[in-house]
Protein backbone atom coordinates (compact mmCIF):
# COMPACT_ATOMS: atom_id res chain seq x y z
CA UNK A 1 0.00 0.00 0.00
CA UNK A 2 1.38 3.36 -1.01
CA UNK A 3 1.71 6.29 1.41
CA UNK A 4 -0.96 8.24 -0.45
CA UNK A 5 -3.50 5.56 0.50
CA UNK A 6 -2.78 6.04 4.22
CA UNK A 7 -3.56 9.72 4.65
CA UNK A 8 -6.46 12.09 4.07
CA UNK A 9 -5.58 14.40 1.20
CA UNK A 10 -5.78 18.17 1.73
CA UNK A 11 -6.82 20.09 -1.38
CA UNK A 12 -4.76 23.15 -0.48
CA UNK A 13 -5.41 26.64 0.85
CA UNK A 14 -7.92 28.57 -1.28
CA UNK A 15 -7.23 31.90 -2.94
CA UNK A 16 -8.24 35.10 -1.23
CA UNK A 17 -7.86 36.43 2.27
CA UNK A 18 -7.63 33.75 4.96
CA UNK A 19 -8.04 34.12 8.71
CA UNK A 20 -4.66 33.96 10.42
CA UNK A 21 -3.77 32.72 13.90
CA UNK A 22 -0.92 34.24 15.91
CA UNK A 23 1.18 31.64 17.74
CA UNK A 24 4.40 32.27 19.72
CA UNK A 25 7.71 31.28 18.14
CA UNK A 26 8.60 29.25 21.23
CA UNK A 27 5.82 26.81 20.39
CA UNK A 28 7.85 25.68 17.41
CA UNK A 29 11.36 26.01 18.84
CA UNK A 30 11.00 25.02 22.51
CA UNK A 31 7.89 22.79 22.58
CA UNK A 32 7.35 21.07 19.24
CA UNK A 33 10.68 19.19 19.27
CA UNK A 34 9.79 17.59 22.62
CA UNK A 35 6.08 16.79 22.23
CA UNK A 36 6.19 13.08 21.43
CA UNK A 37 2.48 12.33 21.83
CA UNK A 38 0.19 12.97 18.87
CA UNK A 39 -2.95 13.59 20.93
CA UNK A 40 -1.11 16.08 23.14
CA UNK A 41 0.13 17.93 20.05
CA UNK A 42 -3.33 18.04 18.48
CA UNK A 43 -5.05 19.23 21.65
CA UNK A 44 -2.34 21.81 22.35
CA UNK A 45 -2.75 23.34 18.90
CA UNK A 46 -6.55 23.26 19.08
CA UNK A 47 -6.63 24.91 22.51
CA UNK A 48 -4.18 27.63 21.46
CA UNK A 49 -6.22 28.19 18.30
CA UNK A 50 -9.44 28.58 20.27
CA UNK A 51 -7.75 30.90 22.77
CA UNK A 52 -6.28 33.01 19.96
CA UNK A 53 -9.83 33.61 18.74
CA UNK A 54 -10.60 35.14 22.14
CA UNK A 55 -7.80 37.73 22.18
CA UNK A 56 -10.31 40.56 22.56
CA UNK A 57 -11.54 39.12 25.83
CA UNK A 58 -10.22 40.30 29.17
CA UNK A 59 -9.69 36.80 30.53
CA UNK A 60 -9.49 34.19 27.77
CA UNK A 61 -9.97 30.58 28.80
CA UNK A 62 -11.72 27.57 27.40
CA UNK A 63 -13.50 24.92 29.44
CA UNK A 64 -13.21 21.17 29.23
CA UNK A 65 -16.92 21.03 28.36
CA UNK A 66 -16.37 23.39 25.41
CA UNK A 67 -13.55 21.20 24.14
CA UNK A 68 -15.69 18.07 24.41
CA UNK A 69 -18.40 19.78 22.37
CA UNK A 70 -15.95 21.05 19.75
CA UNK A 71 -16.31 18.96 16.56
CA UNK A 72 -12.65 19.63 15.65
CA UNK A 73 -11.54 17.99 18.89
CA UNK A 74 -13.85 15.05 18.24
CA UNK A 75 -12.33 14.53 14.80
CA UNK A 76 -8.76 14.89 16.06
CA UNK A 77 -8.89 12.28 18.82
CA UNK A 78 -9.52 8.55 18.47
CA UNK A 79 -11.13 6.17 20.94
CA UNK A 80 -13.12 7.37 23.94
CA UNK A 81 -13.22 11.15 23.57
CA UNK A 82 -13.25 12.08 27.28
CA UNK A 83 -10.40 9.71 28.11
CA UNK A 84 -8.26 10.86 25.19
CA UNK A 85 -8.94 14.56 25.88
CA UNK A 86 -8.20 14.33 29.62
CA UNK A 87 -4.98 12.46 28.93
CA UNK A 88 -3.82 14.99 26.33
CA UNK A 89 -4.72 17.96 28.54
CA UNK A 90 -2.89 16.44 31.51
CA UNK A 91 0.25 15.99 29.43
CA UNK A 92 0.05 19.61 28.19
CA UNK A 93 -0.40 20.87 31.77
CA UNK A 94 2.49 18.80 33.12
CA UNK A 95 4.67 19.99 30.25
CA UNK A 96 3.80 23.60 31.13
CA UNK A 97 2.10 24.58 27.90
CA UNK A 98 -1.34 24.99 29.46
CA UNK A 99 -2.68 25.99 32.87
CA UNK A 100 -5.65 24.22 34.47
CA UNK A 101 -7.93 25.79 37.09
CA UNK A 102 -11.05 24.33 38.69
CA UNK A 103 -13.76 26.96 39.12
CA UNK A 104 -16.99 26.70 41.12
CA UNK A 105 -19.81 28.40 39.27
CA UNK A 106 -22.67 30.38 40.78
CA UNK A 107 -25.01 27.43 40.22
CA UNK A 108 -22.79 25.22 42.38
CA UNK A 109 -21.29 23.20 39.55
CA UNK A 110 -17.57 23.06 38.93
CA UNK A 111 -15.87 23.45 35.58
CA UNK A 112 -12.34 22.92 34.39
CA UNK A 113 -10.82 25.99 32.73
CA UNK A 114 -7.76 25.81 30.47
CA UNK A 115 -5.49 28.80 29.82
CA UNK A 116 -2.29 29.33 27.87
CA UNK A 117 0.79 29.53 30.09
CA UNK A 118 1.60 33.11 29.10
CA UNK A 119 1.52 36.41 31.03
CA UNK A 120 -2.22 36.92 30.62
CA UNK A 121 -3.04 33.27 31.34
CA UNK A 122 -0.92 33.22 34.50
CA UNK A 123 -2.45 36.49 35.67
CA UNK A 124 -5.97 35.14 35.12
CA UNK A 125 -5.18 31.80 36.77
CA UNK A 126 -3.92 33.58 39.90
CA UNK A 127 -7.11 35.64 40.02
CA UNK A 128 -9.29 32.54 39.67
CA UNK A 129 -7.35 30.75 42.39
CA UNK A 130 -8.04 33.72 44.68
CA UNK A 131 -11.74 33.38 43.93
CA UNK A 132 -11.85 36.44 41.65
CA UNK A 133 -13.45 35.89 38.25
CA UNK A 134 -12.24 38.39 35.62
CA UNK A 135 -14.99 39.38 33.23
CA UNK A 136 -15.01 37.71 29.84
CA UNK A 137 -15.99 40.41 27.37
CA UNK A 138 -17.64 39.59 24.08
CA UNK A 139 -15.26 39.47 21.15
CA UNK A 140 -15.63 42.83 19.43
CA UNK A 141 -13.61 44.74 16.88
CA UNK A 142 -11.14 46.94 18.76
CA UNK A 143 -8.29 49.19 17.64
CA UNK A 144 -4.92 47.52 18.05
CA UNK A 145 -2.18 48.96 20.21
CA UNK A 146 -0.40 50.64 17.27
CA UNK A 147 -3.54 52.56 16.30
CA UNK A 148 -4.05 53.59 19.93
CA UNK A 149 -0.48 54.88 20.14
CA UNK A 150 -0.62 56.91 16.94
CA UNK A 151 -4.03 58.35 17.80
CA UNK A 152 -3.11 59.35 21.35
CA UNK A 153 0.66 59.90 21.43
CA UNK A 154 2.26 60.24 18.01
CA UNK A 155 4.29 58.53 15.26
CA UNK A 156 5.81 55.12 15.94
CA UNK A 157 9.47 54.15 15.84
CA UNK A 158 10.78 50.69 14.96
CA UNK A 159 12.13 50.10 18.47
CA UNK A 160 8.90 51.19 20.12
CA UNK A 161 6.83 49.03 17.77
CA UNK A 162 8.49 45.93 19.22
CA UNK A 163 7.73 47.07 22.77
CA UNK A 164 4.10 47.65 21.83
CA UNK A 165 3.87 44.22 20.22
CA UNK A 166 5.17 42.58 23.40
CA UNK A 167 2.68 44.55 25.51
CA UNK A 168 -0.22 43.51 23.26
CA UNK A 169 0.76 39.88 23.83
CA UNK A 170 1.02 40.36 27.60
CA UNK A 171 -2.01 42.45 28.55
CA UNK A 172 -5.73 42.36 27.68
CA UNK A 173 -6.62 44.90 25.00
CA UNK A 174 -9.29 46.35 27.31
CA UNK A 175 -6.57 47.13 29.87
CA UNK A 176 -4.41 48.73 27.19
CA UNK A 177 -7.31 50.91 26.04
CA UNK A 178 -8.00 52.00 29.63
CA UNK A 179 -4.32 52.77 30.26
CA UNK A 180 -4.17 54.96 27.14
CA UNK A 181 -7.38 56.67 28.25
CA UNK A 182 -5.89 57.31 31.70
CA UNK A 183 -2.76 58.83 30.18
CA UNK A 184 -4.86 61.22 28.11
CA UNK A 185 -7.02 62.22 31.07
CA UNK A 186 -3.95 62.95 33.16
CA UNK A 187 -2.14 64.64 30.24
CA UNK A 188 0.70 62.14 30.54
CA UNK A 189 0.93 61.02 26.92
CA UNK A 190 3.91 58.73 27.30
CA UNK A 191 4.35 55.02 26.59
CA UNK A 192 6.52 54.74 29.71
CA UNK A 193 3.63 56.09 31.76
CA UNK A 194 1.11 53.75 30.11
CA UNK A 195 3.36 50.73 30.61
CA UNK A 196 3.79 51.62 34.29
CA UNK A 197 0.01 51.58 34.71
CA UNK A 198 -0.25 48.16 33.04
CA UNK A 199 2.57 46.72 35.14
CA UNK A 200 0.94 48.02 38.31
CA UNK A 201 -2.42 46.50 37.38
CA UNK A 202 -0.74 43.18 36.66
CA UNK A 203 1.34 43.05 39.85
CA UNK A 204 -1.28 44.35 42.27
CA UNK A 205 -4.49 43.18 40.62
CA UNK A 206 -6.71 45.40 38.50
CA UNK A 207 -9.87 44.89 40.57
CA UNK A 208 -8.12 45.56 43.88
CA UNK A 209 -6.60 48.79 42.53
CA UNK A 210 -9.95 49.92 41.13
CA UNK A 211 -11.55 49.53 44.54
CA UNK A 212 -8.77 51.51 46.24
CA UNK A 213 -8.74 54.17 43.56
CA UNK A 214 -12.47 54.75 43.87
CA UNK A 215 -11.70 56.27 47.28
CA UNK A 216 -9.08 58.69 45.94
CA UNK A 217 -9.19 61.66 43.58
CA UNK A 218 -8.25 61.85 39.91
CA UNK A 219 -4.61 62.60 40.70
CA UNK A 220 -3.80 58.99 41.66
CA UNK A 221 -1.34 58.56 38.77
CA UNK A 222 0.21 62.03 38.87
CA UNK A 223 1.75 61.62 42.31
CA UNK A 224 3.66 58.77 43.91
CA UNK A 225 5.53 56.20 41.86
CA UNK A 226 4.38 57.63 38.48
CA UNK A 227 4.99 61.29 39.28
CA UNK A 228 8.52 61.46 37.95
CA UNK A 229 8.03 59.52 34.74
CA UNK A 230 9.61 61.24 31.74
CA UNK A 231 7.56 61.68 28.60
CA UNK A 232 9.05 60.72 25.25
Foldseek 3Di string as FASTA:
>chain_A
DDPVVVDDDDPDDDDDDDDDFDDDPCCVVVPVVPPPDQLLVQLLVVQSRVQSLQLQWQQGKDWPVNLLVDVSQVVRDDDDSVVSNVVSVVVCVVVQQKDWDWAQDPVRDIIIIIDGNAQRNVLQRVCRVVVHHDDTDDDDDDDQLQVLLCVQARDDDPVVVVVSVVVSVNGNVVLLVVLSVLCVVVVNSAVVLSVVSVVCCSVVPVVVVVVVCVVDDSCPQCDDPNVPDDHD
